[in-house]
Each structure stands twice: as structure tokens, then as C-alpha cells.
Amino acid sequence: MNRITQALVWLSRIAYCRGFGIQSPTDYRFVRYVINEHWPYYAYEQLDPTAPSWLVRKMGRLMLRVANYRQATHAVCSLQLAEAYGDWMQAGCRKTLLIDDGGTVQLAFVQSPAEALHLLPRTDADSVIIVSDIRSDRDAWRTLCADQAVTVSYDLYYCGILLFPQRYAAKHYKVNF
């Protein structure tokens, strides 16, 4: 993605910066302090030089913050994404093992919405699923967001995040990431 496209994406989502318009304190806190956190984390300095592009660095930083937020004991991660972002996830939570044990999904990082659809039956209220390429299949992403198990979804343009707390009605947010 070139700089002009990146600037156009950012400008098209300017109204969704830093949690503007989010009424739920929990959802606002997640957007503000996990998705759009700008303060440097402890591992950025070590991992940033290993990123081949700005998008890998940006997504890697997000993986670190989400892993730090969730503190999962195990994570489901597709092989290609584990190679690119496994170190970032491990830096976010040292106790997280990148394995699929077939049990409840605590944290998952998948390539496409179709992969995430297969994980839905294994989720609980504390599960977090990150879908890397939501633009590849918009219909599957919309189906995923409309599923009754998904309570909160965040469209970050480059990826999507699904949360499953059953406390309140479903909300779907577009976030300028």
C-alpha cells in the first residue's frame, strides 16, 4: 500500500479517530488504550527493526498490545501469520503458546473471515479473534459481524477484531487505526 492510499484511508476515517462516538466506556477504553495506544511499549525498540514494512510494524504492535490486554495461555495463529507476528504476540504475553489445542479460543489471529467463522463455536465471553485481511471477503466479514455470538467488532481497515462479551447488545465500530 503506497503513501497516497494510506493517506486516503486515514482521511476517510478521520471521524473515527481515537474512539470518537463510542458511548460504551469498555469499548472506548479498548479503542483508546489497546488499538490506538501511542505510548511506546517495552518491546517496540527490540522488534521494530525486524519489521520489513510499516504495515507489518503497525500490525505487529497491535498484536503485542492485544496479547498484553488478553493475557491468554494459548493462541490460535495461522502458520503464515505466526511467522510474521509470533514474536510480537510472545512479547505481549510471555506465557502465551501459539498452539491450537482444540479447546476454547482465548486469542486467535487468522488470515481471513472464513477461517474465523470456523472458530466461532469455540469462543466464550473472553475470546478475542483478530482477522488479518477483512477486505479480501467483505461478505464473510459482514456475516461474521452479524453472528449472534459476536458482541463487539472493530473494523480497522487493515484488519478486524472480534470480541464476545455477553453483557450488552452487539456493536460494530469503524476505527481509524
N, C-alpha and C. Protein backbone atom coordinates (compact mmCIF):
# COMPACT_ATOMS: atom_id res chain seq x y z
N MET A 1 0.86 -1.16 0.00
CA MET A 1 0.00 0.00 0.00
C MET A 1 0.91 1.23 0.00
N ASN A 2 0.68 2.12 -0.95
CA ASN A 2 1.54 3.30 -1.02
C ASN A 2 1.06 4.40 -0.09
N ARG A 3 1.84 5.43 0.01
CA ARG A 3 1.56 6.53 0.94
C ARG A 3 0.27 7.28 0.59
N ILE A 4 -0.04 7.41 -0.69
CA ILE A 4 -1.24 8.13 -1.10
C ILE A 4 -2.48 7.35 -0.66
N THR A 5 -2.48 6.04 -0.88
CA THR A 5 -3.60 5.20 -0.45
C THR A 5 -3.73 5.23 1.07
N GLN A 6 -2.60 5.15 1.75
CA GLN A 6 -2.60 5.20 3.22
C GLN A 6 -3.21 6.52 3.71
N ALA A 7 -2.84 7.62 3.08
CA ALA A 7 -3.38 8.93 3.47
C ALA A 7 -4.88 9.01 3.18
N LEU A 8 -5.33 8.46 2.06
CA LEU A 8 -6.75 8.48 1.72
C LEU A 8 -7.57 7.64 2.71
N VAL A 9 -7.04 6.49 3.10
CA VAL A 9 -7.72 5.65 4.09
C VAL A 9 -7.83 6.41 5.40
N TRP A 10 -6.73 7.02 5.82
CA TRP A 10 -6.74 7.77 7.08
C TRP A 10 -7.74 8.93 7.02
N LEU A 11 -7.75 9.67 5.92
CA LEU A 11 -8.68 10.80 5.78
C LEU A 11 -10.14 10.34 5.73
N SER A 12 -10.40 9.21 5.09
CA SER A 12 -11.78 8.72 5.00
C SER A 12 -12.31 8.28 6.37
N ARG A 13 -11.42 7.99 7.30
CA ARG A 13 -11.81 7.53 8.62
C ARG A 13 -11.51 8.56 9.71
N ILE A 14 -11.31 9.79 9.34
CA ILE A 14 -10.93 10.82 10.31
C ILE A 14 -11.99 11.00 11.40
N ALA A 15 -13.24 10.77 11.09
CA ALA A 15 -14.31 10.92 12.08
C ALA A 15 -14.29 9.81 13.13
N TYR A 16 -13.50 8.78 12.89
CA TYR A 16 -13.46 7.64 13.81
C TYR A 16 -12.14 7.56 14.57
N CYS A 17 -11.47 8.68 14.72
CA CYS A 17 -10.19 8.72 15.43
C CYS A 17 -10.36 8.56 16.93
N ARG A 18 -9.48 7.79 17.54
CA ARG A 18 -9.31 7.74 18.98
C ARG A 18 -10.58 7.53 19.78
N GLY A 19 -11.52 6.79 19.21
CA GLY A 19 -12.72 6.42 19.95
C GLY A 19 -13.85 7.43 19.90
N PHE A 20 -13.78 8.41 19.01
CA PHE A 20 -14.85 9.39 18.91
C PHE A 20 -16.16 8.70 18.56
N GLY A 21 -17.21 9.00 19.28
CA GLY A 21 -18.52 8.46 19.01
C GLY A 21 -18.83 7.15 19.71
N ILE A 22 -17.89 6.59 20.42
CA ILE A 22 -18.13 5.33 21.13
C ILE A 22 -18.66 5.66 22.52
N GLN A 23 -19.86 5.20 22.80
CA GLN A 23 -20.53 5.54 24.06
C GLN A 23 -20.21 4.59 25.20
N SER A 24 -19.88 3.36 24.90
CA SER A 24 -19.59 2.37 25.93
C SER A 24 -18.20 2.63 26.53
N PRO A 25 -18.09 2.78 27.84
CA PRO A 25 -16.78 3.00 28.45
C PRO A 25 -15.80 1.85 28.20
N THR A 26 -16.29 0.64 28.20
CA THR A 26 -15.42 -0.52 27.97
C THR A 26 -14.88 -0.53 26.55
N ASP A 27 -15.75 -0.29 25.58
CA ASP A 27 -15.34 -0.26 24.18
C ASP A 27 -14.41 0.92 23.91
N TYR A 28 -14.71 2.06 24.50
CA TYR A 28 -13.86 3.24 24.34
C TYR A 28 -12.47 2.96 24.90
N ARG A 29 -12.40 2.35 26.06
CA ARG A 29 -11.11 2.03 26.70
C ARG A 29 -10.30 1.09 25.82
N PHE A 30 -10.98 0.10 25.20
CA PHE A 30 -10.28 -0.83 24.32
C PHE A 30 -9.71 -0.10 23.10
N VAL A 31 -10.51 0.78 22.50
CA VAL A 31 -10.04 1.53 21.33
C VAL A 31 -8.90 2.46 21.72
N ARG A 32 -9.07 3.15 22.79
CA ARG A 32 -8.11 4.18 23.20
C ARG A 32 -6.79 3.61 23.71
N TYR A 33 -6.85 2.55 24.51
CA TYR A 33 -5.65 2.07 25.19
C TYR A 33 -5.11 0.74 24.68
N VAL A 34 -5.80 0.11 23.73
CA VAL A 34 -5.25 -1.09 23.12
C VAL A 34 -5.05 -0.85 21.62
N ILE A 35 -6.10 -0.50 20.91
CA ILE A 35 -5.98 -0.33 19.46
C ILE A 35 -5.14 0.89 19.10
N ASN A 36 -5.44 2.05 19.66
CA ASN A 36 -4.77 3.29 19.27
C ASN A 36 -3.80 3.82 20.32
N GLU A 37 -3.20 2.97 21.08
CA GLU A 37 -2.21 3.41 22.07
C GLU A 37 -0.97 3.94 21.36
N HIS A 38 -0.54 5.14 21.71
CA HIS A 38 0.62 5.75 21.05
C HIS A 38 1.87 5.77 21.92
N TRP A 39 1.75 5.44 23.17
CA TRP A 39 2.93 5.40 24.03
C TRP A 39 3.75 4.17 23.68
N PRO A 40 5.07 4.28 23.76
CA PRO A 40 5.91 3.13 23.40
C PRO A 40 5.82 2.01 24.43
N TYR A 41 5.69 0.81 23.94
CA TYR A 41 5.69 -0.38 24.80
C TYR A 41 7.12 -0.85 24.96
N TYR A 42 7.33 -1.73 25.90
CA TYR A 42 8.65 -2.21 26.28
C TYR A 42 9.38 -2.94 25.17
N ALA A 43 8.69 -3.56 24.23
CA ALA A 43 9.35 -4.39 23.22
C ALA A 43 9.44 -3.72 21.85
N TYR A 44 8.89 -2.54 21.68
CA TYR A 44 8.91 -1.88 20.38
C TYR A 44 10.35 -1.69 19.89
N GLU A 45 11.20 -1.22 20.73
CA GLU A 45 12.58 -0.92 20.35
C GLU A 45 13.30 -2.17 19.82
N GLN A 46 13.02 -3.29 20.44
CA GLN A 46 13.66 -4.55 20.06
C GLN A 46 13.06 -5.12 18.78
N LEU A 47 11.73 -5.04 18.60
CA LEU A 47 11.07 -5.71 17.49
C LEU A 47 10.89 -4.84 16.24
N ASP A 48 10.86 -3.52 16.38
CA ASP A 48 10.65 -2.64 15.23
C ASP A 48 11.67 -2.85 14.11
N PRO A 49 12.97 -3.00 14.40
CA PRO A 49 13.93 -3.20 13.30
C PRO A 49 13.72 -4.48 12.51
N THR A 50 13.02 -5.46 13.08
CA THR A 50 12.80 -6.72 12.37
C THR A 50 11.63 -6.65 11.39
N ALA A 51 10.82 -5.61 11.46
CA ALA A 51 9.65 -5.49 10.59
C ALA A 51 10.08 -5.05 9.20
N PRO A 52 9.67 -5.79 8.15
CA PRO A 52 10.08 -5.44 6.79
C PRO A 52 9.34 -4.23 6.20
N SER A 53 8.18 -3.86 6.76
CA SER A 53 7.43 -2.72 6.23
C SER A 53 6.70 -2.01 7.35
N TRP A 54 6.18 -0.83 7.05
CA TRP A 54 5.45 -0.06 8.06
C TRP A 54 4.17 -0.78 8.48
N LEU A 55 3.52 -1.50 7.54
CA LEU A 55 2.27 -2.19 7.88
C LEU A 55 2.54 -3.39 8.79
N VAL A 56 3.60 -4.11 8.55
CA VAL A 56 3.96 -5.24 9.42
C VAL A 56 4.29 -4.70 10.82
N ARG A 57 5.01 -3.59 10.88
CA ARG A 57 5.33 -2.98 12.18
C ARG A 57 4.05 -2.53 12.89
N LYS A 58 3.16 -1.90 12.16
CA LYS A 58 1.90 -1.41 12.75
C LYS A 58 1.04 -2.57 13.25
N MET A 59 0.91 -3.62 12.45
CA MET A 59 0.13 -4.79 12.84
C MET A 59 0.82 -5.55 13.98
N GLY A 60 2.15 -5.62 13.92
CA GLY A 60 2.89 -6.28 14.99
C GLY A 60 2.70 -5.58 16.33
N ARG A 61 2.74 -4.27 16.31
CA ARG A 61 2.50 -3.51 17.54
C ARG A 61 1.09 -3.77 18.07
N LEU A 62 0.11 -3.85 17.15
CA LEU A 62 -1.26 -4.16 17.58
C LEU A 62 -1.32 -5.55 18.20
N MET A 63 -0.64 -6.53 17.60
CA MET A 63 -0.63 -7.89 18.15
C MET A 63 -0.04 -7.89 19.56
N LEU A 64 1.02 -7.14 19.75
CA LEU A 64 1.64 -7.05 21.07
C LEU A 64 0.66 -6.48 22.09
N ARG A 65 -0.02 -5.40 21.73
CA ARG A 65 -0.95 -4.76 22.67
C ARG A 65 -2.15 -5.64 22.97
N VAL A 66 -2.68 -6.33 21.95
CA VAL A 66 -3.83 -7.22 22.17
C VAL A 66 -3.42 -8.41 23.02
N ALA A 67 -2.25 -8.99 22.75
CA ALA A 67 -1.78 -10.11 23.57
C ALA A 67 -1.56 -9.66 25.01
N ASN A 68 -1.03 -8.47 25.19
CA ASN A 68 -0.83 -7.92 26.53
C ASN A 68 -2.18 -7.68 27.23
N TYR A 69 -3.16 -7.23 26.48
CA TYR A 69 -4.50 -6.99 27.02
C TYR A 69 -5.17 -8.31 27.42
N ARG A 70 -5.10 -9.32 26.55
CA ARG A 70 -5.83 -10.58 26.77
C ARG A 70 -5.13 -11.52 27.74
N GLN A 71 -3.80 -11.56 27.74
CA GLN A 71 -3.03 -12.44 28.63
C GLN A 71 -3.49 -13.90 28.51
N ALA A 72 -3.55 -14.39 27.29
CA ALA A 72 -4.01 -15.75 27.02
C ALA A 72 -2.91 -16.76 27.29
N THR A 73 -3.30 -17.96 27.70
CA THR A 73 -2.32 -19.03 27.89
C THR A 73 -1.98 -19.72 26.57
N HIS A 74 -2.93 -19.71 25.63
CA HIS A 74 -2.65 -20.24 24.30
C HIS A 74 -3.38 -19.41 23.26
N ALA A 75 -2.81 -19.40 22.06
CA ALA A 75 -3.37 -18.63 20.96
C ALA A 75 -3.39 -19.47 19.70
N VAL A 76 -4.42 -19.29 18.91
CA VAL A 76 -4.54 -19.94 17.61
C VAL A 76 -4.03 -18.93 16.59
N CYS A 77 -3.08 -19.36 15.78
CA CYS A 77 -2.49 -18.45 14.80
C CYS A 77 -2.16 -19.24 13.55
N SER A 78 -2.60 -18.76 12.38
CA SER A 78 -2.26 -19.47 11.15
C SER A 78 -0.75 -19.41 10.94
N LEU A 79 -0.21 -20.40 10.25
CA LEU A 79 1.24 -20.57 10.12
C LEU A 79 1.92 -19.33 9.53
N GLN A 80 1.36 -18.79 8.47
CA GLN A 80 1.95 -17.62 7.82
C GLN A 80 1.98 -16.43 8.77
N LEU A 81 0.91 -16.23 9.51
CA LEU A 81 0.85 -15.10 10.44
C LEU A 81 1.73 -15.34 11.66
N ALA A 82 1.88 -16.59 12.07
CA ALA A 82 2.75 -16.90 13.20
C ALA A 82 4.19 -16.56 12.88
N GLU A 83 4.60 -16.79 11.64
CA GLU A 83 5.96 -16.43 11.23
C GLU A 83 6.17 -14.92 11.26
N ALA A 84 5.17 -14.17 10.80
CA ALA A 84 5.31 -12.72 10.73
C ALA A 84 5.11 -12.03 12.08
N TYR A 85 4.16 -12.54 12.89
CA TYR A 85 3.77 -11.82 14.11
C TYR A 85 3.93 -12.61 15.40
N GLY A 86 4.45 -13.82 15.32
CA GLY A 86 4.59 -14.65 16.51
C GLY A 86 5.45 -14.01 17.58
N ASP A 87 6.56 -13.39 17.19
CA ASP A 87 7.44 -12.73 18.17
C ASP A 87 6.73 -11.57 18.85
N TRP A 88 5.91 -10.85 18.10
CA TRP A 88 5.16 -9.73 18.67
C TRP A 88 4.17 -10.23 19.71
N MET A 89 3.45 -11.31 19.39
CA MET A 89 2.48 -11.86 20.33
C MET A 89 3.18 -12.39 21.58
N GLN A 90 4.31 -13.05 21.40
CA GLN A 90 5.06 -13.57 22.53
C GLN A 90 5.61 -12.45 23.41
N ALA A 91 5.97 -11.33 22.79
CA ALA A 91 6.45 -10.18 23.58
C ALA A 91 5.31 -9.56 24.38
N GLY A 92 4.09 -9.63 23.85
CA GLY A 92 2.94 -9.09 24.56
C GLY A 92 2.55 -9.90 25.78
N CYS A 93 2.72 -11.21 25.69
CA CYS A 93 2.41 -12.10 26.82
C CYS A 93 3.32 -13.32 26.72
N ARG A 94 4.30 -13.38 27.57
CA ARG A 94 5.32 -14.44 27.53
C ARG A 94 4.73 -15.83 27.76
N LYS A 95 3.62 -15.91 28.50
CA LYS A 95 3.05 -17.23 28.80
C LYS A 95 2.19 -17.79 27.67
N THR A 96 1.92 -17.00 26.63
CA THR A 96 1.09 -17.45 25.52
C THR A 96 1.84 -18.44 24.64
N LEU A 97 1.23 -19.58 24.41
CA LEU A 97 1.76 -20.58 23.50
C LEU A 97 0.97 -20.52 22.20
N LEU A 98 1.66 -20.51 21.07
CA LEU A 98 0.99 -20.45 19.78
C LEU A 98 0.64 -21.86 19.32
N ILE A 99 -0.40 -22.42 19.93
CA ILE A 99 -0.86 -23.76 19.60
C ILE A 99 -2.38 -23.76 19.48
N ASP A 100 -2.90 -24.72 18.76
CA ASP A 100 -4.34 -24.92 18.71
C ASP A 100 -4.63 -26.25 19.39
N ASP A 101 -5.07 -26.18 20.64
CA ASP A 101 -5.31 -27.40 21.40
C ASP A 101 -6.72 -27.94 21.22
N GLY A 102 -7.53 -27.28 20.39
CA GLY A 102 -8.88 -27.75 20.13
C GLY A 102 -9.90 -27.30 21.16
N GLY A 103 -9.46 -26.63 22.21
CA GLY A 103 -10.37 -26.16 23.26
C GLY A 103 -10.92 -24.78 22.95
N THR A 104 -11.31 -24.09 23.98
CA THR A 104 -11.85 -22.75 23.83
C THR A 104 -10.79 -21.80 23.29
N VAL A 105 -11.19 -20.97 22.34
CA VAL A 105 -10.27 -20.00 21.76
C VAL A 105 -10.15 -18.81 22.71
N GLN A 106 -8.95 -18.57 23.20
CA GLN A 106 -8.70 -17.41 24.05
C GLN A 106 -8.29 -16.21 23.19
N LEU A 107 -7.35 -16.46 22.30
CA LEU A 107 -6.85 -15.43 21.39
C LEU A 107 -6.57 -16.11 20.06
N ALA A 108 -7.02 -15.51 18.97
CA ALA A 108 -6.79 -16.09 17.65
C ALA A 108 -6.41 -14.99 16.68
N PHE A 109 -5.50 -15.31 15.78
CA PHE A 109 -5.09 -14.40 14.73
C PHE A 109 -5.14 -15.19 13.43
N VAL A 110 -6.16 -14.92 12.61
CA VAL A 110 -6.39 -15.69 11.40
C VAL A 110 -6.29 -14.80 10.17
N GLN A 111 -6.07 -15.44 9.02
CA GLN A 111 -5.84 -14.71 7.78
C GLN A 111 -7.13 -14.14 7.19
N SER A 112 -8.23 -14.88 7.23
CA SER A 112 -9.43 -14.46 6.52
C SER A 112 -10.67 -14.61 7.39
N PRO A 113 -11.76 -13.92 7.04
CA PRO A 113 -13.02 -14.08 7.76
C PRO A 113 -13.55 -15.51 7.71
N ALA A 114 -13.30 -16.22 6.63
CA ALA A 114 -13.76 -17.61 6.52
C ALA A 114 -13.10 -18.49 7.59
N GLU A 115 -11.83 -18.26 7.88
CA GLU A 115 -11.16 -19.01 8.95
C GLU A 115 -11.77 -18.68 10.31
N ALA A 116 -12.12 -17.43 10.50
CA ALA A 116 -12.70 -17.00 11.78
C ALA A 116 -14.08 -17.62 11.99
N LEU A 117 -14.84 -17.82 10.91
CA LEU A 117 -16.16 -18.45 11.02
C LEU A 117 -16.07 -19.85 11.63
N HIS A 118 -14.99 -20.55 11.32
CA HIS A 118 -14.80 -21.91 11.86
C HIS A 118 -14.48 -21.90 13.35
N LEU A 119 -13.96 -20.78 13.85
CA LEU A 119 -13.59 -20.69 15.27
C LEU A 119 -14.75 -20.25 16.16
N LEU A 120 -15.82 -19.70 15.59
CA LEU A 120 -16.92 -19.16 16.39
C LEU A 120 -17.52 -20.14 17.39
N PRO A 121 -17.72 -21.42 17.05
CA PRO A 121 -18.30 -22.34 18.04
C PRO A 121 -17.39 -22.57 19.26
N ARG A 122 -16.12 -22.23 19.15
CA ARG A 122 -15.17 -22.47 20.24
C ARG A 122 -14.87 -21.22 21.07
N THR A 123 -15.68 -20.19 20.94
CA THR A 123 -15.41 -18.94 21.67
C THR A 123 -16.22 -18.87 22.96
N ASP A 124 -15.76 -18.03 23.87
CA ASP A 124 -16.51 -17.71 25.08
C ASP A 124 -16.47 -16.20 25.28
N ALA A 125 -16.93 -15.72 26.41
CA ALA A 125 -17.04 -14.29 26.66
C ALA A 125 -15.69 -13.57 26.69
N ASP A 126 -14.60 -14.28 26.92
CA ASP A 126 -13.28 -13.66 26.99
C ASP A 126 -12.45 -13.81 25.72
N SER A 127 -13.00 -14.42 24.70
CA SER A 127 -12.26 -14.67 23.46
C SER A 127 -12.03 -13.39 22.67
N VAL A 128 -10.91 -13.37 21.97
CA VAL A 128 -10.57 -12.27 21.06
C VAL A 128 -10.08 -12.91 19.76
N ILE A 129 -10.70 -12.53 18.65
CA ILE A 129 -10.26 -13.01 17.34
C ILE A 129 -9.87 -11.81 16.49
N ILE A 130 -8.68 -11.87 15.92
CA ILE A 130 -8.19 -10.83 15.02
C ILE A 130 -8.16 -11.43 13.62
N VAL A 131 -8.82 -10.77 12.68
CA VAL A 131 -8.89 -11.25 11.30
C VAL A 131 -8.03 -10.32 10.46
N SER A 132 -7.00 -10.89 9.84
CA SER A 132 -5.99 -10.09 9.17
C SER A 132 -6.50 -9.37 7.92
N ASP A 133 -7.15 -10.07 7.03
CA ASP A 133 -7.50 -9.48 5.74
C ASP A 133 -9.01 -9.43 5.55
N ILE A 134 -9.66 -8.45 6.16
CA ILE A 134 -11.12 -8.37 6.06
C ILE A 134 -11.57 -7.82 4.72
N ARG A 135 -10.69 -7.19 3.98
CA ARG A 135 -11.04 -6.65 2.67
C ARG A 135 -11.11 -7.74 1.59
N SER A 136 -10.50 -8.88 1.83
CA SER A 136 -10.49 -9.94 0.82
C SER A 136 -11.88 -10.52 0.59
N ASP A 137 -12.68 -10.58 1.64
CA ASP A 137 -14.03 -11.15 1.53
C ASP A 137 -14.97 -10.36 2.43
N ARG A 138 -15.47 -9.26 1.91
CA ARG A 138 -16.34 -8.36 2.69
C ARG A 138 -17.63 -9.05 3.13
N ASP A 139 -18.17 -9.92 2.29
CA ASP A 139 -19.42 -10.61 2.66
C ASP A 139 -19.20 -11.53 3.85
N ALA A 140 -18.08 -12.25 3.87
CA ALA A 140 -17.78 -13.12 5.01
C ALA A 140 -17.55 -12.29 6.27
N TRP A 141 -16.92 -11.12 6.13
CA TRP A 141 -16.71 -10.24 7.29
C TRP A 141 -18.06 -9.75 7.83
N ARG A 142 -18.96 -9.36 6.96
CA ARG A 142 -20.29 -8.91 7.40
C ARG A 142 -21.06 -10.06 8.07
N THR A 143 -20.95 -11.26 7.51
CA THR A 143 -21.59 -12.43 8.12
C THR A 143 -21.02 -12.69 9.50
N LEU A 144 -19.73 -12.56 9.62
CA LEU A 144 -19.05 -12.75 10.90
C LEU A 144 -19.52 -11.73 11.93
N CYS A 145 -19.61 -10.47 11.54
CA CYS A 145 -20.05 -9.41 12.44
C CYS A 145 -21.52 -9.57 12.84
N ALA A 146 -22.32 -10.13 11.94
CA ALA A 146 -23.74 -10.31 12.20
C ALA A 146 -24.05 -11.55 13.04
N ASP A 147 -23.08 -12.41 13.24
CA ASP A 147 -23.31 -13.62 14.03
C ASP A 147 -23.72 -13.25 15.44
N GLN A 148 -24.64 -14.00 16.02
CA GLN A 148 -25.16 -13.67 17.34
C GLN A 148 -24.13 -13.82 18.45
N ALA A 149 -23.07 -14.59 18.22
CA ALA A 149 -22.02 -14.75 19.24
C ALA A 149 -21.13 -13.52 19.34
N VAL A 150 -20.98 -12.78 18.23
CA VAL A 150 -20.10 -11.61 18.20
C VAL A 150 -20.85 -10.42 18.81
N THR A 151 -20.28 -9.88 19.88
CA THR A 151 -20.91 -8.75 20.54
C THR A 151 -20.30 -7.42 20.10
N VAL A 152 -19.00 -7.39 19.95
CA VAL A 152 -18.31 -6.16 19.56
C VAL A 152 -17.35 -6.48 18.42
N SER A 153 -17.41 -5.69 17.35
CA SER A 153 -16.45 -5.85 16.26
C SER A 153 -15.86 -4.49 15.91
N TYR A 154 -14.59 -4.53 15.57
CA TYR A 154 -13.86 -3.32 15.20
C TYR A 154 -13.30 -3.52 13.80
N ASP A 155 -13.69 -2.62 12.88
CA ASP A 155 -13.16 -2.62 11.53
C ASP A 155 -12.02 -1.61 11.51
N LEU A 156 -10.77 -2.08 11.40
CA LEU A 156 -9.60 -1.21 11.42
C LEU A 156 -9.03 -0.99 10.02
N TYR A 157 -9.75 -1.38 9.00
CA TYR A 157 -9.39 -1.34 7.60
C TYR A 157 -8.34 -2.39 7.25
N TYR A 158 -7.24 -2.42 7.96
CA TYR A 158 -6.18 -3.39 7.68
C TYR A 158 -6.50 -4.75 8.29
N CYS A 159 -7.33 -4.76 9.32
CA CYS A 159 -7.73 -5.99 9.99
C CYS A 159 -9.02 -5.73 10.74
N GLY A 160 -9.56 -6.77 11.34
CA GLY A 160 -10.76 -6.65 12.15
C GLY A 160 -10.55 -7.37 13.47
N ILE A 161 -11.21 -6.89 14.52
CA ILE A 161 -11.11 -7.51 15.83
C ILE A 161 -12.52 -7.85 16.30
N LEU A 162 -12.69 -9.07 16.80
CA LEU A 162 -13.99 -9.52 17.30
C LEU A 162 -13.88 -9.83 18.79
N LEU A 163 -14.83 -9.34 19.56
CA LEU A 163 -14.92 -9.62 20.99
C LEU A 163 -16.28 -10.24 21.27
N PHE A 164 -16.38 -11.01 22.33
CA PHE A 164 -17.57 -11.81 22.59
C PHE A 164 -18.21 -11.62 23.96
N PRO A 165 -18.03 -10.50 24.63
CA PRO A 165 -18.68 -10.36 25.95
C PRO A 165 -20.20 -10.34 25.78
N GLN A 166 -20.91 -11.02 26.64
CA GLN A 166 -22.37 -11.12 26.50
C GLN A 166 -23.11 -10.14 27.39
N ARG A 167 -22.46 -9.06 27.79
CA ARG A 167 -23.06 -8.10 28.70
C ARG A 167 -24.12 -7.21 28.05
N TYR A 168 -23.97 -6.92 26.77
CA TYR A 168 -24.88 -5.97 26.15
C TYR A 168 -25.08 -6.27 24.68
N ALA A 169 -25.88 -5.43 24.03
CA ALA A 169 -26.23 -5.63 22.62
C ALA A 169 -25.00 -5.46 21.72
N ALA A 170 -25.09 -6.05 20.54
CA ALA A 170 -23.98 -6.02 19.60
C ALA A 170 -23.69 -4.61 19.10
N LYS A 171 -22.42 -4.29 19.01
CA LYS A 171 -21.95 -3.01 18.48
C LYS A 171 -20.86 -3.29 17.46
N HIS A 172 -20.89 -2.55 16.37
CA HIS A 172 -19.89 -2.69 15.33
C HIS A 172 -19.29 -1.32 15.05
N TYR A 173 -18.00 -1.20 15.23
CA TYR A 173 -17.32 0.09 15.13
C TYR A 173 -16.34 0.10 13.97
N LYS A 174 -16.25 1.25 13.34
CA LYS A 174 -15.21 1.53 12.36
C LYS A 174 -14.21 2.42 13.09
N VAL A 175 -12.93 2.06 13.05
CA VAL A 175 -11.93 2.78 13.81
C VAL A 175 -10.81 3.22 12.87
N ASN A 176 -10.38 4.45 13.03
CA ASN A 176 -9.23 4.95 12.28
C ASN A 176 -7.98 4.48 13.00
N PHE A 177 -7.32 3.48 12.41
CA PHE A 177 -6.16 2.84 13.04
C PHE A 177 -4.90 3.26 12.34
